[in-house]
Amino acid sequence: MSDADITRATTGDVTPRSTRGTGERRRNEEDRAPMGMTIRVFIYLVAVHFIVAFFFLIFWLAGAE
């Protein structure tokens, strides 16, 4: 009996490489947006909120008497 047979017998793994998770992993990668686009959207959202806060501050200070 070889070492591979012993390992296979003790782990219960019939195939040397399990293909059970590959389809699931591929589906998750297809569902996600690319990392670069995610970072850009986050930066744009933060920048827009800063601009809106700046305009709010300007109008708030201009309206104060």
N, C-alpha and C. Protein backbone atom coordinates (compact mmCIF):
# COMPACT_ATOMS: atom_id res chain seq x y z
N MET A 1 0.84 -1.16 0.00
CA MET A 1 0.00 0.00 0.00
C MET A 1 0.90 1.24 0.00
N SER A 2 0.62 2.19 -0.90
CA SER A 2 1.45 3.38 -1.00
C SER A 2 0.95 4.47 -0.03
N ASP A 3 1.75 5.52 0.10
CA ASP A 3 1.36 6.62 0.98
C ASP A 3 0.09 7.31 0.48
N ALA A 4 -0.08 7.41 -0.84
CA ALA A 4 -1.28 8.04 -1.39
C ALA A 4 -2.52 7.23 -1.05
N ASP A 5 -2.41 5.91 -1.10
CA ASP A 5 -3.55 5.06 -0.75
C ASP A 5 -3.91 5.21 0.72
N ILE A 6 -2.91 5.30 1.57
CA ILE A 6 -3.17 5.46 3.01
C ILE A 6 -3.84 6.81 3.27
N THR A 7 -3.33 7.85 2.63
CA THR A 7 -3.92 9.18 2.82
C THR A 7 -5.35 9.20 2.32
N ARG A 8 -5.58 8.60 1.15
CA ARG A 8 -6.92 8.56 0.59
C ARG A 8 -7.85 7.76 1.48
N ALA A 9 -7.37 6.68 2.05
CA ALA A 9 -8.20 5.84 2.89
C ALA A 9 -8.51 6.52 4.22
N THR A 10 -7.59 7.29 4.75
CA THR A 10 -7.82 7.91 6.05
C THR A 10 -8.63 9.20 5.94
N THR A 11 -8.53 9.91 4.84
CA THR A 11 -9.27 11.17 4.71
C THR A 11 -10.64 10.96 4.10
N GLY A 12 -10.89 9.85 3.47
CA GLY A 12 -12.17 9.60 2.84
C GLY A 12 -12.30 10.28 1.49
N ASP A 13 -11.24 10.87 1.00
CA ASP A 13 -11.25 11.55 -0.28
C ASP A 13 -10.99 10.54 -1.38
N VAL A 14 -11.93 10.40 -2.30
CA VAL A 14 -11.80 9.41 -3.36
C VAL A 14 -10.94 9.94 -4.48
N THR A 15 -11.11 11.21 -4.81
CA THR A 15 -10.32 11.80 -5.89
C THR A 15 -9.17 12.59 -5.29
N PRO A 16 -8.04 12.67 -6.01
CA PRO A 16 -6.91 13.41 -5.47
C PRO A 16 -7.21 14.91 -5.32
N ARG A 17 -8.11 15.42 -6.14
CA ARG A 17 -8.46 16.83 -6.04
C ARG A 17 -9.98 16.95 -6.10
N SER A 18 -10.57 17.53 -5.09
CA SER A 18 -12.01 17.65 -5.05
C SER A 18 -12.47 18.79 -5.94
N THR A 19 -13.47 18.56 -6.78
CA THR A 19 -13.98 19.59 -7.69
C THR A 19 -15.29 20.16 -7.19
N ARG A 20 -15.64 19.90 -5.94
CA ARG A 20 -16.93 20.34 -5.43
C ARG A 20 -17.03 21.86 -5.32
N GLY A 21 -15.98 22.55 -4.91
CA GLY A 21 -16.05 23.98 -4.67
C GLY A 21 -15.69 24.85 -5.86
N THR A 22 -15.21 24.28 -6.96
CA THR A 22 -14.75 25.12 -8.06
C THR A 22 -15.89 25.85 -8.74
N GLY A 23 -17.01 25.20 -8.97
CA GLY A 23 -18.16 25.87 -9.59
C GLY A 23 -18.72 26.94 -8.70
N GLU A 24 -18.75 26.67 -7.40
CA GLU A 24 -19.26 27.65 -6.45
C GLU A 24 -18.33 28.87 -6.39
N ARG A 25 -17.03 28.64 -6.39
CA ARG A 25 -16.06 29.74 -6.35
C ARG A 25 -16.17 30.57 -7.64
N ARG A 26 -16.31 29.91 -8.77
CA ARG A 26 -16.40 30.62 -10.04
C ARG A 26 -17.67 31.47 -10.08
N ARG A 27 -18.78 30.95 -9.57
CA ARG A 27 -20.02 31.70 -9.56
C ARG A 27 -19.90 32.94 -8.67
N ASN A 28 -19.24 32.82 -7.52
CA ASN A 28 -19.06 33.97 -6.64
C ASN A 28 -18.18 35.03 -7.28
N GLU A 29 -17.16 34.63 -8.02
CA GLU A 29 -16.30 35.59 -8.69
C GLU A 29 -17.04 36.33 -9.79
N GLU A 30 -17.96 35.65 -10.47
CA GLU A 30 -18.72 36.30 -11.53
C GLU A 30 -19.75 37.27 -10.96
N ASP A 31 -20.24 37.01 -9.76
CA ASP A 31 -21.25 37.87 -9.16
C ASP A 31 -20.65 39.15 -8.59
N ARG A 32 -19.37 39.16 -8.29
CA ARG A 32 -18.74 40.32 -7.67
C ARG A 32 -18.21 41.29 -8.72
N ALA A 33 -18.22 42.58 -8.37
CA ALA A 33 -17.65 43.60 -9.25
C ALA A 33 -16.13 43.58 -9.12
N PRO A 34 -15.41 44.01 -10.14
CA PRO A 34 -13.95 44.07 -10.03
C PRO A 34 -13.53 45.00 -8.90
N MET A 35 -12.40 44.70 -8.27
CA MET A 35 -11.95 45.46 -7.11
C MET A 35 -11.68 46.92 -7.47
N GLY A 36 -11.15 47.19 -8.65
CA GLY A 36 -10.88 48.57 -9.05
C GLY A 36 -12.15 49.40 -9.13
N MET A 37 -13.20 48.81 -9.66
CA MET A 37 -14.45 49.54 -9.76
C MET A 37 -15.05 49.76 -8.38
N THR A 38 -14.92 48.80 -7.49
CA THR A 38 -15.43 48.95 -6.13
C THR A 38 -14.73 50.09 -5.42
N ILE A 39 -13.42 50.19 -5.56
CA ILE A 39 -12.66 51.26 -4.93
C ILE A 39 -13.05 52.61 -5.52
N ARG A 40 -13.20 52.69 -6.85
CA ARG A 40 -13.59 53.95 -7.48
C ARG A 40 -14.96 54.42 -7.02
N VAL A 41 -15.91 53.50 -6.93
CA VAL A 41 -17.25 53.87 -6.48
C VAL A 41 -17.20 54.38 -5.04
N PHE A 42 -16.41 53.72 -4.19
CA PHE A 42 -16.26 54.17 -2.80
C PHE A 42 -15.67 55.57 -2.74
N ILE A 43 -14.63 55.82 -3.54
CA ILE A 43 -14.00 57.15 -3.56
C ILE A 43 -14.98 58.20 -4.07
N TYR A 44 -15.72 57.87 -5.14
CA TYR A 44 -16.69 58.83 -5.67
C TYR A 44 -17.76 59.15 -4.63
N LEU A 45 -18.24 58.15 -3.92
CA LEU A 45 -19.26 58.40 -2.90
C LEU A 45 -18.72 59.29 -1.79
N VAL A 46 -17.51 59.03 -1.33
CA VAL A 46 -16.91 59.85 -0.29
C VAL A 46 -16.70 61.27 -0.80
N ALA A 47 -16.20 61.42 -2.01
CA ALA A 47 -15.96 62.75 -2.58
C ALA A 47 -17.26 63.53 -2.72
N VAL A 48 -18.31 62.89 -3.18
CA VAL A 48 -19.59 63.57 -3.35
C VAL A 48 -20.12 64.02 -1.99
N HIS A 49 -19.98 63.20 -0.97
CA HIS A 49 -20.45 63.60 0.36
C HIS A 49 -19.64 64.78 0.91
N PHE A 50 -18.35 64.81 0.65
CA PHE A 50 -17.54 65.96 1.07
C PHE A 50 -17.98 67.23 0.35
N ILE A 51 -18.24 67.14 -0.94
CA ILE A 51 -18.68 68.31 -1.71
C ILE A 51 -20.03 68.80 -1.20
N VAL A 52 -20.95 67.88 -0.96
CA VAL A 52 -22.27 68.25 -0.45
C VAL A 52 -22.13 68.89 0.93
N ALA A 53 -21.29 68.33 1.79
CA ALA A 53 -21.07 68.91 3.12
C ALA A 53 -20.47 70.31 3.00
N PHE A 54 -19.56 70.52 2.06
CA PHE A 54 -18.96 71.84 1.84
C PHE A 54 -20.02 72.85 1.40
N PHE A 55 -20.88 72.48 0.45
CA PHE A 55 -21.94 73.37 0.01
C PHE A 55 -22.92 73.66 1.14
N PHE A 56 -23.25 72.66 1.93
CA PHE A 56 -24.13 72.87 3.07
C PHE A 56 -23.51 73.87 4.04
N LEU A 57 -22.22 73.73 4.30
CA LEU A 57 -21.52 74.65 5.20
C LEU A 57 -21.55 76.08 4.64
N ILE A 58 -21.30 76.23 3.36
CA ILE A 58 -21.31 77.55 2.73
C ILE A 58 -22.70 78.20 2.87
N PHE A 59 -23.74 77.47 2.52
CA PHE A 59 -25.09 78.03 2.61
C PHE A 59 -25.49 78.28 4.05
N TRP A 60 -25.06 77.44 4.96
CA TRP A 60 -25.39 77.61 6.38
C TRP A 60 -24.70 78.86 6.92
N LEU A 61 -23.43 79.05 6.57
CA LEU A 61 -22.71 80.25 7.03
C LEU A 61 -23.24 81.51 6.36
N ALA A 62 -23.65 81.43 5.11
CA ALA A 62 -24.17 82.60 4.41
C ALA A 62 -25.54 83.00 4.95
N GLY A 63 -26.31 82.04 5.43
CA GLY A 63 -27.65 82.34 5.94
C GLY A 63 -27.63 82.75 7.40
N ALA A 64 -26.53 82.58 8.10
CA ALA A 64 -26.47 82.94 9.53
C ALA A 64 -26.39 84.45 9.67
N GLU A 65 -27.12 84.98 10.61
CA GLU A 65 -27.10 86.44 10.81
C GLU A 65 -26.56 86.81 12.15
